[in-house]
Amino acid sequence: MKKIFALVFALVMLLSVSVVLAEGEGTEYVFEAEYTELEGLEGLGVSGSPTGLGLVTENSKASNGYFVGNLGTSSPLTFIIVSDADTTATLKIVAGSNILGNCVWNPTTLKILVNDVAVDYKEFTTDNGDDPMDQNNFKTRKIGDINLVAGENTIVIVAGENTYRSNLPSAPSIDAIKLTSTAALEMVESETSHDELD
């Protein structure tokens, strides 16, 4: 009888731990940068400044096959995220070097704002990588926990104070953002981008 009780107790404890872990993990959502609203954005280029969908580049190593690059202060990427509840979510960005070489990104050189509030995050670097045919070298960087409200939220990524692109403020290439949350999330996607890229 004692053995049966001990077994039942152990199973109950195991199940309760599994439930806690499942609730804590949540679901990871991937939202593509190329489906943000790009119309009206002005980027930085070697010969002329790319605008709108001209900021999108095809790349087999990017998720969904595209990324957004050549970003400056006049090309803030705005992700509009709809949540079904107030929640804390873990934010990660998939960033590449934008062919800028070794760069240091922190809340001063790269601004990340959630609902117009600047996010304080740990510094990270980007570099061109070893592949001469693909100098973006995309990597996932954890930004940290952010607060989302029920309804629409904005996550903005924009160049801060730096001189990385011909003495002009620039930003890394952005492939996507990743949000992990127990709430149900979706992104308001640009119809123009979908029509042109799909």
Protein backbone atom coordinates (compact mmCIF):
# COMPACT_ATOMS: atom_id res chain seq x y z
CA MET A 1 0.00 0.00 0.00
CA LYS A 2 2.84 2.38 0.88
CA LYS A 3 4.51 1.64 -2.47
CA ILE A 4 1.30 2.42 -4.37
CA PHE A 5 0.86 5.68 -2.43
CA ALA A 6 4.45 6.67 -3.10
CA LEU A 7 4.05 5.93 -6.82
CA VAL A 8 0.82 7.94 -7.06
CA PHE A 9 2.44 10.84 -5.13
CA ALA A 10 5.46 10.79 -7.46
CA LEU A 11 3.20 10.82 -10.56
CA VAL A 12 1.17 13.76 -9.20
CA MET A 13 4.37 15.72 -8.50
CA LEU A 14 5.74 14.93 -11.97
CA LEU A 15 2.54 16.05 -13.67
CA SER A 16 2.41 19.29 -11.67
CA VAL A 17 6.02 20.08 -12.61
CA SER A 18 5.28 19.38 -16.29
CA VAL A 19 2.32 21.77 -16.22
CA VAL A 20 4.41 24.53 -14.64
CA LEU A 21 7.15 24.03 -17.23
CA ALA A 22 4.66 24.10 -20.11
CA GLU A 23 3.08 27.32 -18.81
CA GLY A 24 6.49 28.94 -18.33
CA GLU A 25 7.76 28.08 -21.79
CA GLY A 26 4.94 29.48 -23.89
CA THR A 27 5.02 29.49 -27.70
CA GLU A 28 7.74 31.00 -29.85
CA TYR A 29 6.43 33.12 -32.72
CA VAL A 30 8.59 34.25 -35.66
CA PHE A 31 7.63 37.50 -37.38
CA GLU A 32 9.37 38.43 -40.63
CA ALA A 33 10.91 41.89 -41.11
CA GLU A 34 10.02 41.97 -44.82
CA TYR A 35 6.30 41.93 -43.95
CA THR A 36 6.44 45.13 -41.88
CA GLU A 37 5.18 48.33 -43.50
CA LEU A 38 8.17 49.50 -45.56
CA GLU A 39 6.42 52.09 -47.73
CA GLY A 40 7.87 55.54 -47.06
CA LEU A 41 11.07 54.33 -45.40
CA GLU A 42 14.40 55.70 -46.67
CA GLY A 43 17.55 53.63 -46.26
CA LEU A 44 21.27 54.03 -46.89
CA GLY A 45 23.07 52.80 -50.00
CA VAL A 46 26.38 52.96 -51.82
CA SER A 47 24.86 54.59 -54.90
CA GLY A 48 21.54 56.18 -54.05
CA SER A 49 19.28 55.46 -51.11
CA PRO A 50 16.96 52.43 -51.32
CA THR A 51 13.38 53.07 -50.28
CA GLY A 52 10.36 50.96 -49.42
CA LEU A 53 10.58 47.43 -50.79
CA GLY A 54 14.05 48.32 -52.11
CA LEU A 55 15.24 47.66 -48.56
CA VAL A 56 14.37 43.97 -48.94
CA THR A 57 17.05 41.56 -50.16
CA GLU A 58 16.64 37.91 -51.08
CA ASN A 59 18.93 35.54 -49.18
CA SER A 60 18.70 31.76 -48.91
CA LYS A 61 20.11 31.85 -45.36
CA ALA A 62 17.44 34.21 -44.09
CA SER A 63 14.23 32.81 -42.68
CA ASN A 64 11.51 32.96 -45.34
CA GLY A 65 14.27 33.80 -47.85
CA TYR A 66 14.36 37.58 -47.32
CA PHE A 67 15.76 40.19 -44.93
CA VAL A 68 15.60 43.98 -44.58
CA GLY A 69 18.89 45.89 -44.74
CA ASN A 70 20.53 49.24 -45.50
CA LEU A 71 18.70 50.68 -42.52
CA GLY A 72 19.27 54.17 -41.12
CA THR A 73 17.48 56.69 -38.94
CA SER A 74 14.86 57.27 -41.64
CA SER A 75 13.99 53.58 -41.90
CA PRO A 76 12.69 52.40 -38.53
CA LEU A 77 11.29 48.87 -38.72
CA THR A 78 7.94 48.73 -36.96
CA PHE A 79 6.44 45.38 -36.01
CA ILE A 80 2.77 45.67 -35.04
CA ILE A 81 1.99 42.76 -32.74
CA VAL A 82 -1.52 41.90 -31.54
CA SER A 83 -1.78 40.01 -28.25
CA ASP A 84 -4.92 38.37 -26.85
CA ALA A 85 -3.88 39.32 -23.29
CA ASP A 86 -1.50 41.40 -21.22
CA THR A 87 1.69 39.35 -21.13
CA THR A 88 5.42 39.28 -20.62
CA ALA A 89 7.22 38.02 -23.72
CA THR A 90 10.84 37.20 -24.44
CA LEU A 91 12.12 39.17 -27.43
CA LYS A 92 14.89 37.98 -29.73
CA ILE A 93 16.03 39.53 -33.01
CA VAL A 94 17.68 37.75 -35.92
CA ALA A 95 20.32 40.25 -37.02
CA GLY A 96 23.10 40.37 -39.60
CA SER A 97 26.06 42.68 -40.12
CA ASN A 98 24.50 44.72 -42.97
CA ILE A 99 28.01 44.27 -44.46
CA LEU A 100 29.29 46.82 -41.93
CA GLY A 101 32.02 44.63 -40.49
CA ASN A 102 32.48 44.33 -36.73
CA CYS A 103 29.88 46.48 -34.98
CA VAL A 104 28.77 46.84 -31.38
CA TRP A 105 25.04 47.23 -30.73
CA ASN A 106 23.58 48.50 -27.48
CA PRO A 107 20.70 50.78 -26.42
CA THR A 108 22.72 53.80 -27.62
CA THR A 109 23.84 52.54 -31.05
CA LEU A 110 20.62 50.61 -31.81
CA LYS A 111 17.30 51.68 -30.35
CA ILE A 112 14.60 49.10 -29.66
CA LEU A 113 11.30 50.52 -28.45
CA VAL A 114 8.24 48.64 -27.23
CA ASN A 115 5.10 50.77 -27.20
CA ASP A 116 7.36 53.87 -27.40
CA VAL A 117 9.43 52.82 -24.38
CA ALA A 118 13.15 52.18 -24.98
CA VAL A 119 14.34 48.67 -24.08
CA ASP A 120 17.51 48.33 -22.01
CA TYR A 121 19.29 45.25 -23.35
CA LYS A 122 22.67 43.57 -23.16
CA GLU A 123 25.23 44.63 -25.78
CA PHE A 124 25.87 42.33 -28.74
CA THR A 125 28.10 42.41 -31.84
CA THR A 126 27.75 41.56 -35.51
CA ASP A 127 30.40 40.71 -38.08
CA ASN A 128 30.50 39.79 -41.75
CA GLY A 129 31.32 36.14 -41.21
CA ASP A 130 33.56 33.89 -43.29
CA ASP A 131 31.35 33.38 -46.35
CA PRO A 132 32.34 35.96 -49.02
CA MET A 133 29.07 35.23 -50.86
CA ASP A 134 26.96 36.02 -47.80
CA GLN A 135 28.40 38.72 -45.59
CA ASN A 136 25.37 39.18 -43.36
CA ASN A 137 26.10 36.27 -41.00
CA PHE A 138 22.64 36.18 -39.37
CA LYS A 139 22.44 35.20 -35.71
CA THR A 140 19.67 35.21 -33.15
CA ARG A 141 20.25 37.66 -30.30
CA LYS A 142 18.24 37.65 -27.08
CA ILE A 143 17.08 41.15 -26.19
CA GLY A 144 15.14 40.26 -23.03
CA ASP A 145 11.68 40.27 -21.51
CA ILE A 146 9.19 42.90 -22.66
CA ASN A 147 5.65 43.77 -21.62
CA LEU A 148 2.85 43.52 -24.16
CA VAL A 149 -0.70 44.71 -23.62
CA ALA A 150 -3.90 43.11 -24.84
CA GLY A 151 -4.51 44.46 -28.34
CA GLU A 152 -1.98 46.22 -30.57
CA ASN A 153 1.66 46.72 -29.61
CA THR A 154 4.56 48.25 -31.53
CA ILE A 155 8.14 47.01 -31.54
CA VAL A 156 10.42 49.47 -33.34
CA ILE A 157 14.04 48.82 -34.30
CA VAL A 158 15.96 51.87 -35.55
CA ALA A 159 19.53 53.12 -35.88
CA GLY A 160 20.80 55.01 -32.85
CA GLU A 161 23.95 57.03 -32.31
CA ASN A 162 26.74 55.50 -34.39
CA THR A 163 28.83 56.21 -37.50
CA TYR A 164 28.94 52.69 -38.92
CA ARG A 165 27.85 53.51 -42.49
CA SER A 166 30.07 56.18 -44.09
CA ASN A 167 29.86 58.24 -40.90
CA LEU A 168 26.08 57.92 -40.87
CA PRO A 169 23.97 56.10 -38.26
CA SER A 170 23.05 52.62 -39.44
CA ALA A 171 21.49 49.43 -38.06
CA PRO A 172 22.12 45.74 -38.55
CA SER A 173 20.19 43.82 -41.18
CA ILE A 174 17.01 42.44 -39.65
CA ASP A 175 15.76 39.04 -40.75
CA ALA A 176 13.00 38.55 -38.19
CA ILE A 177 12.02 38.93 -34.57
CA LYS A 178 11.07 36.07 -32.26
CA LEU A 179 8.62 36.41 -29.38
CA THR A 180 8.02 33.72 -26.79
CA SER A 181 4.82 34.15 -24.79
CA THR A 182 1.95 32.26 -23.19
CA ALA A 183 -0.45 34.69 -24.93
CA ALA A 184 -1.59 34.21 -28.52
CA LEU A 185 0.30 36.65 -30.75
CA GLU A 186 -0.02 37.69 -34.38
CA MET A 187 1.54 40.36 -36.54
CA VAL A 188 -0.29 42.94 -38.62
CA GLU A 189 1.45 42.42 -41.97
CA SER A 190 1.78 44.86 -44.85
CA GLU A 191 -0.43 43.83 -47.77
CA THR A 192 1.91 45.58 -50.20
CA SER A 193 4.92 43.56 -49.04
CA HIS A 194 2.94 40.32 -49.18
CA ASP A 195 1.71 41.02 -52.71
CA GLU A 196 5.18 41.88 -54.00
CA LEU A 197 7.20 39.19 -52.22
CA ASP A 198 4.84 36.20 -52.37
